[in-house]
């Protein structure tokens, strides 16, 4: 046991001596390692964020939850993940209450955006109509969240309870319901 303590002590003293001889303090070494680790984490987070989202150009809106974007040089119809807005263009379906408001709000936000990005879900890439499914970010803010917060959309088409933005959308929907906003009001058109 004593020999083991001597070896550990010798190793510790040797390391400390080396650090002192090289002019490095323990704080400098720990500080340097901490800074390198922090920078690495930031780089990983930046790569993840930029690789998850794709910059696109707005071509036209279809209704409150579907738009056409230029994605990698190709026009693509995109259906917004996790939400449903009242219908305005569905064949054989009358325009639903708050459908025009949702459609106009979407058009306004996208038309005035400086930057639009799409983020795709790992499991839901397209729907049965061949539309891309995506989260839409307008100037860094999730468009689905804006529409749900204003009572112009409801949380819908949840295929996976672990969906990335599901919890925050459900929280915004609960607030809109409590405040009787949009589709949660008693107003009928």
C-alpha atoms as a PDB file:
ATOM      1  CA  UNK A   1       0.000   0.000   0.000  1.00  0.00           C
ATOM      2  CA  UNK A   2       2.817   2.374   0.939  1.00  0.00           C
ATOM      3  CA  UNK A   3       4.636   1.619  -2.322  1.00  0.00           C
ATOM      4  CA  UNK A   4       1.488   2.416  -4.264  1.00  0.00           C
ATOM      5  CA  UNK A   5       1.066   5.791  -2.497  1.00  0.00           C
ATOM      6  CA  UNK A   6       4.712   6.571  -3.191  1.00  0.00           C
ATOM      7  CA  UNK A   7       4.229   5.836  -6.894  1.00  0.00           C
ATOM      8  CA  UNK A   8       1.122   8.026  -7.058  1.00  0.00           C
ATOM      9  CA  UNK A   9       2.878  10.779  -5.144  1.00  0.00           C
ATOM     10  CA  UNK A  10       5.924  10.545  -7.411  1.00  0.00           C
ATOM     11  CA  UNK A  11       3.708  10.722 -10.496  1.00  0.00           C
ATOM     12  CA  UNK A  12       1.823  13.747  -9.136  1.00  0.00           C
ATOM     13  CA  UNK A  13       5.036  15.557  -8.196  1.00  0.00           C
ATOM     14  CA  UNK A  14       6.538  14.750 -11.600  1.00  0.00           C
ATOM     15  CA  UNK A  15       3.512  16.174 -13.417  1.00  0.00           C
ATOM     16  CA  UNK A  16       3.469  19.273 -11.244  1.00  0.00           C
ATOM     17  CA  UNK A  17       7.212  19.786 -11.758  1.00  0.00           C
ATOM     18  CA  UNK A  18       6.803  19.461 -15.497  1.00  0.00           C
ATOM     19  CA  UNK A  19       4.052  22.070 -15.496  1.00  0.00           C
ATOM     20  CA  UNK A  20       6.099  24.455 -13.398  1.00  0.00           C
ATOM     21  CA  UNK A  21       9.194  23.976 -15.556  1.00  0.00           C
ATOM     22  CA  UNK A  22       7.288  24.664 -18.749  1.00  0.00           C
ATOM     23  CA  UNK A  23       5.854  27.826 -17.260  1.00  0.00           C
ATOM     24  CA  UNK A  24       2.254  26.665 -17.343  1.00  0.00           C
ATOM     25  CA  UNK A  25       0.085  27.018 -14.326  1.00  0.00           C
ATOM     26  CA  UNK A  26      -2.638  24.496 -13.608  1.00  0.00           C
ATOM     27  CA  UNK A  27      -5.221  27.238 -14.063  1.00  0.00           C
ATOM     28  CA  UNK A  28      -3.862  28.071 -17.513  1.00  0.00           C
ATOM     29  CA  UNK A  29      -4.000  24.449 -18.588  1.00  0.00           C
ATOM     30  CA  UNK A  30      -7.495  23.884 -17.228  1.00  0.00           C
ATOM     31  CA  UNK A  31      -8.648  27.211 -18.658  1.00  0.00           C
ATOM     32  CA  UNK A  32      -7.230  26.327 -22.068  1.00  0.00           C
ATOM     33  CA  UNK A  33      -8.857  22.914 -22.071  1.00  0.00           C
ATOM     34  CA  UNK A  34     -12.175  24.399 -20.980  1.00  0.00           C
ATOM     35  CA  UNK A  35     -12.019  27.016 -23.729  1.00  0.00           C
ATOM     36  CA  UNK A  36     -11.187  24.408 -26.381  1.00  0.00           C
ATOM     37  CA  UNK A  37     -14.068  22.224 -25.229  1.00  0.00           C
ATOM     38  CA  UNK A  38     -16.477  25.186 -25.297  1.00  0.00           C
ATOM     39  CA  UNK A  39     -15.365  26.126 -28.834  1.00  0.00           C
ATOM     40  CA  UNK A  40     -15.785  22.544 -30.028  1.00  0.00           C
ATOM     41  CA  UNK A  41     -19.307  22.371 -28.639  1.00  0.00           C
ATOM     42  CA  UNK A  42     -20.211  25.671 -30.329  1.00  0.00           C
ATOM     43  CA  UNK A  43     -18.851  24.439 -33.661  1.00  0.00           C
ATOM     44  CA  UNK A  44     -20.857  21.223 -33.401  1.00  0.00           C
ATOM     45  CA  UNK A  45     -24.027  23.139 -32.532  1.00  0.00           C
ATOM     46  CA  UNK A  46     -23.495  25.515 -35.459  1.00  0.00           C
ATOM     47  CA  UNK A  47     -22.919  22.621 -37.856  1.00  0.00           C
ATOM     48  CA  UNK A  48     -26.027  20.851 -36.598  1.00  0.00           C
ATOM     49  CA  UNK A  49     -28.183  23.962 -36.913  1.00  0.00           C
ATOM     50  CA  UNK A  50     -26.937  24.882 -40.365  1.00  0.00           C
ATOM     51  CA  UNK A  51     -27.060  21.305 -41.656  1.00  0.00           C
ATOM     52  CA  UNK A  52     -30.597  20.748 -40.368  1.00  0.00           C
ATOM     53  CA  UNK A  53     -32.041  23.792 -42.118  1.00  0.00           C
ATOM     54  CA  UNK A  54     -32.068  24.550 -45.807  1.00  0.00           C
ATOM     55  CA  UNK A  55     -32.347  28.113 -47.111  1.00  0.00           C
ATOM     56  CA  UNK A  56     -35.139  28.446 -49.679  1.00  0.00           C
ATOM     57  CA  UNK A  57     -36.849  31.108 -51.758  1.00  0.00           C
ATOM     58  CA  UNK A  58     -40.578  31.749 -51.487  1.00  0.00           C
ATOM     59  CA  UNK A  59     -42.401  31.229 -54.792  1.00  0.00           C
ATOM     60  CA  UNK A  60     -46.087  31.382 -53.786  1.00  0.00           C
ATOM     61  CA  UNK A  61     -48.461  30.365 -51.052  1.00  0.00           C
ATOM     62  CA  UNK A  62     -51.257  27.882 -51.570  1.00  0.00           C
ATOM     63  CA  UNK A  63     -53.118  28.298 -48.297  1.00  0.00           C
ATOM     64  CA  UNK A  64     -52.374  28.661 -44.601  1.00  0.00           C
ATOM     65  CA  UNK A  65     -50.321  25.487 -44.257  1.00  0.00           C
ATOM     66  CA  UNK A  66     -48.939  24.842 -47.740  1.00  0.00           C
ATOM     67  CA  UNK A  67     -46.593  26.902 -49.910  1.00  0.00           C
ATOM     68  CA  UNK A  68     -44.306  26.524 -52.887  1.00  0.00           C
ATOM     69  CA  UNK A  69     -40.593  27.170 -52.372  1.00  0.00           C
ATOM     70  CA  UNK A  70     -37.512  27.001 -54.541  1.00  0.00           C
ATOM     71  CA  UNK A  71     -35.556  24.178 -52.875  1.00  0.00           C
ATOM     72  CA  UNK A  72     -32.116  23.441 -54.322  1.00  0.00           C
ATOM     73  CA  UNK A  73     -33.135  25.068 -57.604  1.00  0.00           C
ATOM     74  CA  UNK A  74     -36.427  23.171 -57.930  1.00  0.00           C
ATOM     75  CA  UNK A  75     -39.971  24.347 -57.158  1.00  0.00           C
ATOM     76  CA  UNK A  76     -41.388  22.177 -54.381  1.00  0.00           C
ATOM     77  CA  UNK A  77     -44.799  22.208 -52.760  1.00  0.00           C
ATOM     78  CA  UNK A  78     -44.252  22.082 -48.991  1.00  0.00           C
ATOM     79  CA  UNK A  79     -46.834  21.113 -46.366  1.00  0.00           C
ATOM     80  CA  UNK A  80     -46.064  22.436 -42.891  1.00  0.00           C
ATOM     81  CA  UNK A  81     -45.440  19.743 -40.293  1.00  0.00           C
ATOM     82  CA  UNK A  82     -47.594  19.329 -37.169  1.00  0.00           C
ATOM     83  CA  UNK A  83     -50.303  21.879 -38.011  1.00  0.00           C
ATOM     84  CA  UNK A  84     -53.550  22.250 -39.886  1.00  0.00           C
ATOM     85  CA  UNK A  85     -55.164  25.538 -40.867  1.00  0.00           C
ATOM     86  CA  UNK A  86     -58.790  25.976 -41.898  1.00  0.00           C
ATOM     87  CA  UNK A  87     -59.398  25.111 -45.555  1.00  0.00           C
ATOM     88  CA  UNK A  88     -59.577  27.702 -48.323  1.00  0.00           C
ATOM     89  CA  UNK A  89     -58.707  25.809 -51.520  1.00  0.00           C
ATOM     90  CA  UNK A  90     -59.599  22.154 -50.884  1.00  0.00           C
ATOM     91  CA  UNK A  91     -61.850  20.832 -53.681  1.00  0.00           C
ATOM     92  CA  UNK A  92     -65.494  20.260 -52.712  1.00  0.00           C
ATOM     93  CA  UNK A  93     -64.923  21.945 -49.348  1.00  0.00           C
ATOM     94  CA  UNK A  94     -66.309  25.379 -48.475  1.00  0.00           C
ATOM     95  CA  UNK A  95     -63.943  28.018 -47.154  1.00  0.00           C
ATOM     96  CA  UNK A  96     -63.770  27.391 -43.423  1.00  0.00           C
ATOM     97  CA  UNK A  97     -63.883  30.037 -40.669  1.00  0.00           C
ATOM     98  CA  UNK A  98     -60.493  31.726 -40.254  1.00  0.00           C
ATOM     99  CA  UNK A  99     -59.204  30.047 -43.413  1.00  0.00           C
ATOM    100  CA  UNK A 100     -58.720  33.344 -45.238  1.00  0.00           C
ATOM    101  CA  UNK A 101     -57.032  34.906 -42.192  1.00  0.00           C
ATOM    102  CA  UNK A 102     -54.623  31.967 -41.895  1.00  0.00           C
ATOM    103  CA  UNK A 103     -53.877  32.019 -45.608  1.00  0.00           C
ATOM    104  CA  UNK A 104     -53.327  35.793 -45.667  1.00  0.00           C
ATOM    105  CA  UNK A 105     -51.124  35.688 -42.555  1.00  0.00           C
ATOM    106  CA  UNK A 106     -48.932  32.984 -44.070  1.00  0.00           C
ATOM    107  CA  UNK A 107     -48.644  34.888 -47.347  1.00  0.00           C
ATOM    108  CA  UNK A 108     -47.747  38.132 -45.543  1.00  0.00           C
ATOM    109  CA  UNK A 109     -45.089  36.521 -43.340  1.00  0.00           C
ATOM    110  CA  UNK A 110     -43.444  34.705 -46.241  1.00  0.00           C
ATOM    111  CA  UNK A 111     -43.654  37.656 -48.657  1.00  0.00           C
ATOM    112  CA  UNK A 112     -41.969  39.989 -46.162  1.00  0.00           C
ATOM    113  CA  UNK A 113     -39.331  37.527 -44.942  1.00  0.00           C
ATOM    114  CA  UNK A 114     -35.658  38.319 -45.266  1.00  0.00           C
ATOM    115  CA  UNK A 115     -34.727  34.660 -44.788  1.00  0.00           C
ATOM    116  CA  UNK A 116     -36.756  31.459 -45.085  1.00  0.00           C
ATOM    117  CA  UNK A 117     -35.429  28.079 -44.050  1.00  0.00           C
ATOM    118  CA  UNK A 118     -36.907  24.602 -44.047  1.00  0.00           C
ATOM    119  CA  UNK A 119     -36.100  21.927 -41.514  1.00  0.00           C
ATOM    120  CA  UNK A 120     -37.056  18.371 -42.331  1.00  0.00           C
ATOM    121  CA  UNK A 121     -38.171  15.707 -39.902  1.00  0.00           C
ATOM    122  CA  UNK A 122     -36.105  12.534 -39.925  1.00  0.00           C
ATOM    123  CA  UNK A 123     -39.099  10.230 -40.330  1.00  0.00           C
ATOM    124  CA  UNK A 124     -41.714  12.256 -42.247  1.00  0.00           C
ATOM    125  CA  UNK A 125     -40.221  13.458 -45.544  1.00  0.00           C
ATOM    126  CA  UNK A 126     -43.276  13.560 -47.838  1.00  0.00           C
ATOM    127  CA  UNK A 127     -47.023  13.110 -47.549  1.00  0.00           C
ATOM    128  CA  UNK A 128     -49.342  10.950 -49.655  1.00  0.00           C
ATOM    129  CA  UNK A 129     -49.710  13.784 -52.192  1.00  0.00           C
ATOM    130  CA  UNK A 130     -45.948  13.972 -52.780  1.00  0.00           C
ATOM    131  CA  UNK A 131     -45.525  17.264 -50.936  1.00  0.00           C
ATOM    132  CA  UNK A 132     -42.404  17.792 -48.873  1.00  0.00           C
ATOM    133  CA  UNK A 133     -43.118  17.969 -45.141  1.00  0.00           C
ATOM    134  CA  UNK A 134     -41.123  20.558 -43.230  1.00  0.00           C
ATOM    135  CA  UNK A 135     -40.857  22.996 -40.383  1.00  0.00           C
ATOM    136  CA  UNK A 136     -40.761  26.492 -41.875  1.00  0.00           C
ATOM    137  CA  UNK A 137     -38.604  29.199 -40.306  1.00  0.00           C
ATOM    138  CA  UNK A 138     -39.257  32.825 -41.224  1.00  0.00           C
ATOM    139  CA  UNK A 139     -36.404  35.101 -40.153  1.00  0.00           C
ATOM    140  CA  UNK A 140     -35.410  32.492 -37.567  1.00  0.00           C
ATOM    141  CA  UNK A 141     -38.881  31.966 -36.076  1.00  0.00           C
ATOM    142  CA  UNK A 142     -40.942  28.811 -36.537  1.00  0.00           C
ATOM    143  CA  UNK A 143     -43.906  29.754 -38.757  1.00  0.00           C
ATOM    144  CA  UNK A 144     -46.041  26.954 -37.337  1.00  0.00           C
ATOM    145  CA  UNK A 145     -45.591  28.457 -33.867  1.00  0.00           C
ATOM    146  CA  UNK A 146     -46.745  31.880 -35.064  1.00  0.00           C
ATOM    147  CA  UNK A 147     -49.898  30.481 -36.665  1.00  0.00           C
ATOM    148  CA  UNK A 148     -50.771  28.304 -33.657  1.00  0.00           C
ATOM    149  CA  UNK A 149     -50.081  31.185 -31.217  1.00  0.00           C
ATOM    150  CA  UNK A 150     -52.469  33.443 -33.119  1.00  0.00           C
ATOM    151  CA  UNK A 151     -55.231  30.827 -33.234  1.00  0.00           C
ATOM    152  CA  UNK A 152     -54.933  30.426 -37.002  1.00  0.00           C
ATOM    153  CA  UNK A 153     -53.804  26.780 -36.893  1.00  0.00           C
ATOM    154  CA  UNK A 154     -54.184  23.770 -34.667  1.00  0.00           C
ATOM    155  CA  UNK A 155     -51.718  21.023 -33.840  1.00  0.00           C
ATOM    156  CA  UNK A 156     -52.516  18.075 -36.117  1.00  0.00           C
ATOM    157  CA  UNK A 157     -51.120  15.138 -38.067  1.00  0.00           C
ATOM    158  CA  UNK A 158     -48.803  14.055 -35.269  1.00  0.00           C
ATOM    159  CA  UNK A 159     -47.132  10.842 -36.421  1.00  0.00           C
ATOM    160  CA  UNK A 160     -44.561  10.755 -33.651  1.00  0.00           C
ATOM    161  CA  UNK A 161     -45.121  11.987 -30.091  1.00  0.00           C
ATOM    162  CA  UNK A 162     -41.371  12.721 -29.951  1.00  0.00           C
ATOM    163  CA  UNK A 163     -41.535  15.228 -32.826  1.00  0.00           C
ATOM    164  CA  UNK A 164     -39.024  18.002 -32.290  1.00  0.00           C
ATOM    165  CA  UNK A 165     -41.370  20.993 -31.930  1.00  0.00           C
ATOM    166  CA  UNK A 166     -44.523  19.230 -30.752  1.00  0.00           C
ATOM    167  CA  UNK A 167     -44.329  20.267 -27.099  1.00  0.00           C
ATOM    168  CA  UNK A 168     -43.834  23.969 -27.812  1.00  0.00           C
ATOM    169  CA  UNK A 169     -46.668  23.961 -30.357  1.00  0.00           C
ATOM    170  CA  UNK A 170     -49.009  22.258 -27.895  1.00  0.00           C
ATOM    171  CA  UNK A 171     -48.125  24.884 -25.263  1.00  0.00           C
ATOM    172  CA  UNK A 172     -48.865  27.718 -27.718  1.00  0.00           C
ATOM    173  CA  UNK A 173     -52.134  26.065 -28.700  1.00  0.00           C
ATOM    174  CA  UNK A 174     -53.214  25.796 -25.055  1.00  0.00           C
ATOM    175  CA  UNK A 175     -52.585  29.544 -24.634  1.00  0.00           C
ATOM    176  CA  UNK A 176     -54.533  30.390 -27.794  1.00  0.00           C
ATOM    177  CA  UNK A 177     -57.418  28.224 -26.569  1.00  0.00           C
ATOM    178  CA  UNK A 178     -57.418  29.916 -23.153  1.00  0.00           C
ATOM    179  CA  UNK A 179     -57.493  33.325 -24.827  1.00  0.00           C
ATOM    180  CA  UNK A 180     -60.179  32.226 -27.331  1.00  0.00           C
ATOM    181  CA  UNK A 181     -58.064  33.361 -30.294  1.00  0.00           C
ATOM    182  CA  UNK A 182     -59.001  32.687 -33.906  1.00  0.00           C
ATOM    183  CA  UNK A 183     -60.334  29.180 -34.416  1.00  0.00           C
ATOM    184  CA  UNK A 184     -60.772  28.860 -30.648  1.00  0.00           C
ATOM    185  CA  UNK A 185     -63.205  31.777 -30.505  1.00  0.00           C
ATOM    186  CA  UNK A 186     -66.929  31.354 -30.845  1.00  0.00           C
ATOM    187  CA  UNK A 187     -67.031  33.498 -33.987  1.00  0.00           C
ATOM    188  CA  UNK A 188     -68.245  31.791 -37.140  1.00  0.00           C
ATOM    189  CA  UNK A 189     -67.903  33.344 -40.570  1.00  0.00           C
END
